[in-house]
Amino acid sequence: MLTSGDVVDLDLGSPKGREAGLRRPVVVVTAQEILDESANVIQVVPLTSTIRGFGSEVEITADEHNGLDSDSVAQCQHIRSVSVERAESVRGNVGGATLSEIRDVLGLILDIK
């Protein structure tokens, strides 16, 4: 079962324009209450090791807890809904503080805070 904040490998397919694509780690941002109900679709934010310094990015330092190989950023501007069946292996978890920061940025992008 997935947990909010999990870093999972996922194939986002062929990108169009500037969207995130290909096989990459993502952070699961779906509410835990939804995940506990065996969600069929989850919301994810792609990660990249190309750090551009955009306000829509949240920096994540690679460590043994999140399972990342290199420092990365969560690309909050690329939030996606995907089938839970796309989630491959779980690498780790970003933790509550980073997940909260990602959700704060999503709130700004979606104008829901």
N, C-alpha and C. Protein backbone atom coordinates (compact mmCIF):
# COMPACT_ATOMS: atom_id res chain seq x y z
N MET A 1 0.84 -1.19 0.00
CA MET A 1 0.00 0.00 0.00
C MET A 1 0.88 1.25 0.00
N LEU A 2 0.49 2.23 -0.78
CA LEU A 2 1.24 3.47 -0.84
C LEU A 2 0.91 4.39 0.33
N THR A 3 1.87 5.25 0.65
CA THR A 3 1.73 6.23 1.72
C THR A 3 2.00 7.61 1.13
N SER A 4 1.29 8.62 1.63
CA SER A 4 1.56 9.99 1.20
C SER A 4 3.03 10.31 1.42
N GLY A 5 3.66 10.89 0.41
CA GLY A 5 5.08 11.24 0.50
C GLY A 5 6.00 10.17 -0.03
N ASP A 6 5.46 9.01 -0.40
CA ASP A 6 6.32 7.96 -0.97
C ASP A 6 6.96 8.44 -2.27
N VAL A 7 8.20 8.05 -2.46
CA VAL A 7 8.91 8.27 -3.71
C VAL A 7 8.85 6.95 -4.45
N VAL A 8 8.18 6.96 -5.60
CA VAL A 8 8.02 5.74 -6.39
C VAL A 8 8.52 5.98 -7.81
N ASP A 9 8.95 4.91 -8.45
CA ASP A 9 9.32 4.98 -9.85
C ASP A 9 8.06 4.80 -10.68
N LEU A 10 7.96 5.61 -11.75
CA LEU A 10 6.74 5.61 -12.53
C LEU A 10 7.07 6.02 -13.97
N ASP A 11 6.42 5.41 -14.93
CA ASP A 11 6.61 5.77 -16.33
C ASP A 11 5.53 6.77 -16.73
N LEU A 12 5.94 8.02 -16.98
CA LEU A 12 4.99 9.07 -17.35
C LEU A 12 4.76 9.14 -18.87
N GLY A 13 5.40 8.25 -19.61
CA GLY A 13 5.19 8.22 -21.05
C GLY A 13 5.96 9.30 -21.79
N SER A 14 5.67 9.42 -23.06
CA SER A 14 6.36 10.40 -23.92
C SER A 14 5.84 11.80 -23.63
N PRO A 15 6.75 12.73 -23.32
CA PRO A 15 6.30 14.09 -23.01
C PRO A 15 5.94 14.87 -24.27
N LYS A 16 5.04 15.81 -24.11
CA LYS A 16 4.68 16.77 -25.16
C LYS A 16 5.10 18.14 -24.67
N GLY A 17 5.70 18.93 -25.52
CA GLY A 17 6.13 20.27 -25.12
C GLY A 17 7.10 20.20 -23.96
N ARG A 18 6.82 20.94 -22.92
CA ARG A 18 7.71 21.01 -21.75
C ARG A 18 7.24 20.17 -20.57
N GLU A 19 6.25 19.29 -20.78
CA GLU A 19 5.78 18.50 -19.66
C GLU A 19 6.79 17.43 -19.26
N ALA A 20 6.70 16.99 -18.02
CA ALA A 20 7.57 15.91 -17.52
C ALA A 20 7.14 14.60 -18.16
N GLY A 21 8.10 13.75 -18.43
CA GLY A 21 7.77 12.47 -19.02
C GLY A 21 8.84 11.43 -18.73
N LEU A 22 8.70 10.31 -19.38
CA LEU A 22 9.62 9.17 -19.28
C LEU A 22 9.54 8.51 -17.91
N ARG A 23 10.41 7.55 -17.67
CA ARG A 23 10.44 6.84 -16.38
C ARG A 23 11.27 7.67 -15.42
N ARG A 24 10.68 7.99 -14.26
CA ARG A 24 11.36 8.83 -13.28
C ARG A 24 10.71 8.64 -11.91
N PRO A 25 11.40 9.09 -10.87
CA PRO A 25 10.77 9.06 -9.54
C PRO A 25 9.74 10.18 -9.43
N VAL A 26 8.70 9.91 -8.67
CA VAL A 26 7.65 10.88 -8.38
C VAL A 26 7.34 10.82 -6.89
N VAL A 27 6.72 11.87 -6.37
CA VAL A 27 6.25 11.87 -4.99
C VAL A 27 4.74 11.73 -5.01
N VAL A 28 4.22 10.80 -4.23
CA VAL A 28 2.78 10.62 -4.10
C VAL A 28 2.26 11.71 -3.16
N VAL A 29 1.33 12.55 -3.66
CA VAL A 29 0.79 13.65 -2.86
C VAL A 29 -0.68 13.45 -2.49
N THR A 30 -1.26 12.34 -2.90
CA THR A 30 -2.65 12.02 -2.55
C THR A 30 -2.79 11.93 -1.03
N ALA A 31 -3.91 12.42 -0.51
CA ALA A 31 -4.17 12.37 0.93
C ALA A 31 -4.17 10.93 1.43
N GLN A 32 -3.61 10.72 2.61
CA GLN A 32 -3.52 9.37 3.17
C GLN A 32 -4.90 8.74 3.33
N GLU A 33 -5.88 9.53 3.68
CA GLU A 33 -7.25 9.02 3.84
C GLU A 33 -7.75 8.37 2.55
N ILE A 34 -7.42 8.97 1.43
CA ILE A 34 -7.80 8.42 0.12
C ILE A 34 -7.01 7.16 -0.17
N LEU A 35 -5.70 7.19 0.11
CA LEU A 35 -4.87 6.01 -0.12
C LEU A 35 -5.33 4.82 0.72
N ASP A 36 -5.77 5.10 1.93
CA ASP A 36 -6.23 4.03 2.83
C ASP A 36 -7.49 3.34 2.31
N GLU A 37 -8.21 4.02 1.43
CA GLU A 37 -9.44 3.46 0.86
C GLU A 37 -9.18 2.72 -0.45
N SER A 38 -7.93 2.35 -0.69
CA SER A 38 -7.53 1.61 -1.90
C SER A 38 -7.83 2.41 -3.17
N ALA A 39 -7.24 3.56 -3.28
CA ALA A 39 -7.44 4.43 -4.44
C ALA A 39 -7.03 3.74 -5.73
N ASN A 40 -7.78 4.00 -6.79
CA ASN A 40 -7.44 3.50 -8.12
C ASN A 40 -6.56 4.49 -8.87
N VAL A 41 -6.71 5.76 -8.53
CA VAL A 41 -5.97 6.84 -9.16
C VAL A 41 -5.27 7.63 -8.06
N ILE A 42 -4.01 8.01 -8.31
CA ILE A 42 -3.26 8.79 -7.34
C ILE A 42 -2.73 10.06 -7.99
N GLN A 43 -2.43 11.06 -7.17
CA GLN A 43 -1.84 12.30 -7.64
C GLN A 43 -0.36 12.25 -7.30
N VAL A 44 0.47 12.60 -8.29
CA VAL A 44 1.91 12.54 -8.11
C VAL A 44 2.56 13.81 -8.64
N VAL A 45 3.73 14.11 -8.11
CA VAL A 45 4.55 15.23 -8.57
C VAL A 45 5.88 14.64 -9.03
N PRO A 46 6.24 14.85 -10.30
CA PRO A 46 7.50 14.30 -10.82
C PRO A 46 8.72 14.96 -10.17
N LEU A 47 9.80 14.20 -10.11
CA LEU A 47 11.07 14.72 -9.61
C LEU A 47 12.07 14.79 -10.75
N THR A 48 13.00 15.72 -10.63
CA THR A 48 14.10 15.83 -11.58
C THR A 48 15.35 16.26 -10.83
N SER A 49 16.50 15.83 -11.33
CA SER A 49 17.77 16.26 -10.74
C SER A 49 18.27 17.54 -11.41
N THR A 50 17.54 18.02 -12.43
CA THR A 50 17.86 19.29 -13.08
C THR A 50 17.18 20.40 -12.28
N ILE A 51 17.96 21.10 -11.48
CA ILE A 51 17.41 22.12 -10.59
C ILE A 51 17.49 23.47 -11.29
N ARG A 52 16.34 24.06 -11.55
CA ARG A 52 16.26 25.32 -12.29
C ARG A 52 15.99 26.53 -11.39
N GLY A 53 15.60 26.30 -10.17
CA GLY A 53 15.33 27.40 -9.24
C GLY A 53 13.98 28.05 -9.43
N PHE A 54 13.04 27.37 -10.08
CA PHE A 54 11.69 27.90 -10.25
C PHE A 54 10.98 27.94 -8.90
N GLY A 55 10.07 28.88 -8.73
CA GLY A 55 9.27 28.97 -7.51
C GLY A 55 8.33 27.79 -7.34
N SER A 56 8.08 27.07 -8.42
CA SER A 56 7.19 25.91 -8.37
C SER A 56 7.92 24.62 -8.02
N GLU A 57 9.23 24.73 -7.72
CA GLU A 57 10.03 23.56 -7.37
C GLU A 57 10.27 23.51 -5.86
N VAL A 58 10.30 22.30 -5.33
CA VAL A 58 10.67 22.08 -3.92
C VAL A 58 11.91 21.21 -3.91
N GLU A 59 12.98 21.72 -3.30
CA GLU A 59 14.24 20.98 -3.27
C GLU A 59 14.17 19.81 -2.29
N ILE A 60 14.75 18.69 -2.71
CA ILE A 60 14.81 17.48 -1.90
C ILE A 60 16.25 16.97 -1.92
N THR A 61 16.86 16.91 -0.75
CA THR A 61 18.22 16.39 -0.63
C THR A 61 18.15 14.86 -0.60
N ALA A 62 18.95 14.22 -1.45
CA ALA A 62 18.99 12.76 -1.49
C ALA A 62 19.49 12.21 -0.17
N ASP A 63 18.79 11.20 0.35
CA ASP A 63 19.24 10.52 1.57
C ASP A 63 18.67 9.11 1.62
N GLU A 64 19.02 8.39 2.67
CA GLU A 64 18.59 6.99 2.78
C GLU A 64 17.10 6.85 3.03
N HIS A 65 16.43 7.91 3.48
CA HIS A 65 15.00 7.84 3.75
C HIS A 65 14.16 7.97 2.49
N ASN A 66 14.58 8.85 1.56
CA ASN A 66 13.78 9.03 0.35
C ASN A 66 14.26 8.14 -0.80
N GLY A 67 15.44 7.57 -0.70
CA GLY A 67 15.93 6.64 -1.71
C GLY A 67 16.40 7.27 -3.00
N LEU A 68 16.54 8.60 -3.02
CA LEU A 68 16.99 9.27 -4.24
C LEU A 68 18.50 9.10 -4.41
N ASP A 69 18.95 9.03 -5.65
CA ASP A 69 20.37 8.88 -5.96
C ASP A 69 21.09 10.22 -5.98
N SER A 70 20.35 11.30 -6.22
CA SER A 70 20.95 12.63 -6.28
C SER A 70 19.93 13.66 -5.81
N ASP A 71 20.45 14.82 -5.38
CA ASP A 71 19.57 15.90 -4.98
C ASP A 71 18.63 16.21 -6.14
N SER A 72 17.38 16.50 -5.82
CA SER A 72 16.36 16.67 -6.85
C SER A 72 15.40 17.78 -6.45
N VAL A 73 14.48 18.07 -7.35
CA VAL A 73 13.38 18.97 -7.03
C VAL A 73 12.07 18.32 -7.43
N ALA A 74 11.04 18.60 -6.62
CA ALA A 74 9.68 18.21 -6.97
C ALA A 74 9.14 19.28 -7.90
N GLN A 75 8.72 18.89 -9.08
CA GLN A 75 8.21 19.82 -10.09
C GLN A 75 6.70 19.98 -9.90
N CYS A 76 6.32 20.80 -8.95
CA CYS A 76 4.91 20.93 -8.57
C CYS A 76 4.03 21.40 -9.72
N GLN A 77 4.59 22.13 -10.67
CA GLN A 77 3.83 22.59 -11.83
C GLN A 77 3.41 21.44 -12.73
N HIS A 78 3.96 20.25 -12.50
CA HIS A 78 3.66 19.08 -13.34
C HIS A 78 2.83 18.03 -12.62
N ILE A 79 2.05 18.42 -11.62
CA ILE A 79 1.22 17.44 -10.90
C ILE A 79 0.38 16.64 -11.90
N ARG A 80 0.24 15.35 -11.63
CA ARG A 80 -0.51 14.45 -12.52
C ARG A 80 -1.37 13.49 -11.71
N SER A 81 -2.45 13.08 -12.32
CA SER A 81 -3.25 11.97 -11.81
C SER A 81 -2.93 10.76 -12.67
N VAL A 82 -2.59 9.65 -12.02
CA VAL A 82 -2.22 8.43 -12.76
C VAL A 82 -2.85 7.22 -12.08
N SER A 83 -2.99 6.16 -12.83
CA SER A 83 -3.46 4.90 -12.26
C SER A 83 -2.45 4.39 -11.24
N VAL A 84 -2.94 3.87 -10.13
CA VAL A 84 -2.06 3.31 -9.12
C VAL A 84 -1.24 2.16 -9.70
N GLU A 85 -1.75 1.54 -10.76
CA GLU A 85 -1.04 0.44 -11.42
C GLU A 85 0.26 0.87 -12.08
N ARG A 86 0.42 2.18 -12.34
CA ARG A 86 1.65 2.69 -12.94
C ARG A 86 2.81 2.73 -11.93
N ALA A 87 2.47 2.81 -10.65
CA ALA A 87 3.50 2.90 -9.61
C ALA A 87 4.31 1.60 -9.59
N GLU A 88 5.62 1.76 -9.71
CA GLU A 88 6.50 0.60 -9.70
C GLU A 88 7.05 0.44 -8.28
N SER A 89 8.33 0.44 -8.10
CA SER A 89 8.92 0.23 -6.79
C SER A 89 8.90 1.50 -5.95
N VAL A 90 8.73 1.32 -4.65
CA VAL A 90 8.80 2.43 -3.70
C VAL A 90 10.25 2.57 -3.27
N ARG A 91 10.83 3.75 -3.47
CA ARG A 91 12.23 4.01 -3.08
C ARG A 91 12.35 4.41 -1.62
N GLY A 92 11.38 5.15 -1.15
CA GLY A 92 11.42 5.69 0.21
C GLY A 92 10.31 6.69 0.39
N ASN A 93 10.51 7.64 1.30
CA ASN A 93 9.49 8.65 1.59
C ASN A 93 10.18 9.98 1.88
N VAL A 94 9.61 11.08 1.40
CA VAL A 94 10.22 12.40 1.59
C VAL A 94 10.04 12.94 3.00
N GLY A 95 9.11 12.38 3.75
CA GLY A 95 8.86 12.86 5.12
C GLY A 95 7.82 13.97 5.16
N GLY A 96 7.29 14.18 6.35
CA GLY A 96 6.20 15.12 6.54
C GLY A 96 6.52 16.56 6.21
N ALA A 97 7.70 17.03 6.56
CA ALA A 97 8.05 18.44 6.32
C ALA A 97 8.13 18.74 4.83
N THR A 98 8.79 17.87 4.07
CA THR A 98 8.92 18.08 2.63
C THR A 98 7.57 17.92 1.94
N LEU A 99 6.79 16.93 2.35
CA LEU A 99 5.45 16.73 1.78
C LEU A 99 4.59 17.97 2.03
N SER A 100 4.67 18.53 3.21
CA SER A 100 3.91 19.74 3.53
C SER A 100 4.34 20.90 2.64
N GLU A 101 5.64 21.03 2.40
CA GLU A 101 6.15 22.09 1.54
C GLU A 101 5.64 21.92 0.11
N ILE A 102 5.65 20.68 -0.38
CA ILE A 102 5.13 20.39 -1.72
C ILE A 102 3.65 20.76 -1.79
N ARG A 103 2.89 20.36 -0.80
CA ARG A 103 1.45 20.67 -0.79
C ARG A 103 1.19 22.16 -0.70
N ASP A 104 2.03 22.90 0.02
CA ASP A 104 1.89 24.36 0.08
C ASP A 104 2.06 24.98 -1.31
N VAL A 105 3.07 24.52 -2.04
CA VAL A 105 3.31 25.04 -3.39
C VAL A 105 2.15 24.66 -4.30
N LEU A 106 1.65 23.43 -4.18
CA LEU A 106 0.50 23.02 -4.98
C LEU A 106 -0.71 23.90 -4.68
N GLY A 107 -0.89 24.26 -3.41
CA GLY A 107 -1.99 25.14 -3.03
C GLY A 107 -1.89 26.50 -3.71
N LEU A 108 -0.67 27.02 -3.82
CA LEU A 108 -0.47 28.29 -4.52
C LEU A 108 -0.76 28.16 -6.01
N ILE A 109 -0.25 27.08 -6.61
CA ILE A 109 -0.45 26.87 -8.04
C ILE A 109 -1.93 26.70 -8.37
N LEU A 110 -2.64 25.96 -7.53
CA LEU A 110 -4.05 25.67 -7.78
C LEU A 110 -5.00 26.69 -7.16
N ASP A 111 -4.44 27.68 -6.45
CA ASP A 111 -5.21 28.74 -5.81
C ASP A 111 -6.27 28.15 -4.86
N ILE A 112 -5.80 27.23 -3.99
CA ILE A 112 -6.74 26.60 -3.05
C ILE A 112 -6.38 26.83 -1.59
N LYS A 113 -5.43 27.72 -1.32
CA LYS A 113 -5.07 27.99 0.08
C LYS A 113 -5.46 29.38 0.47
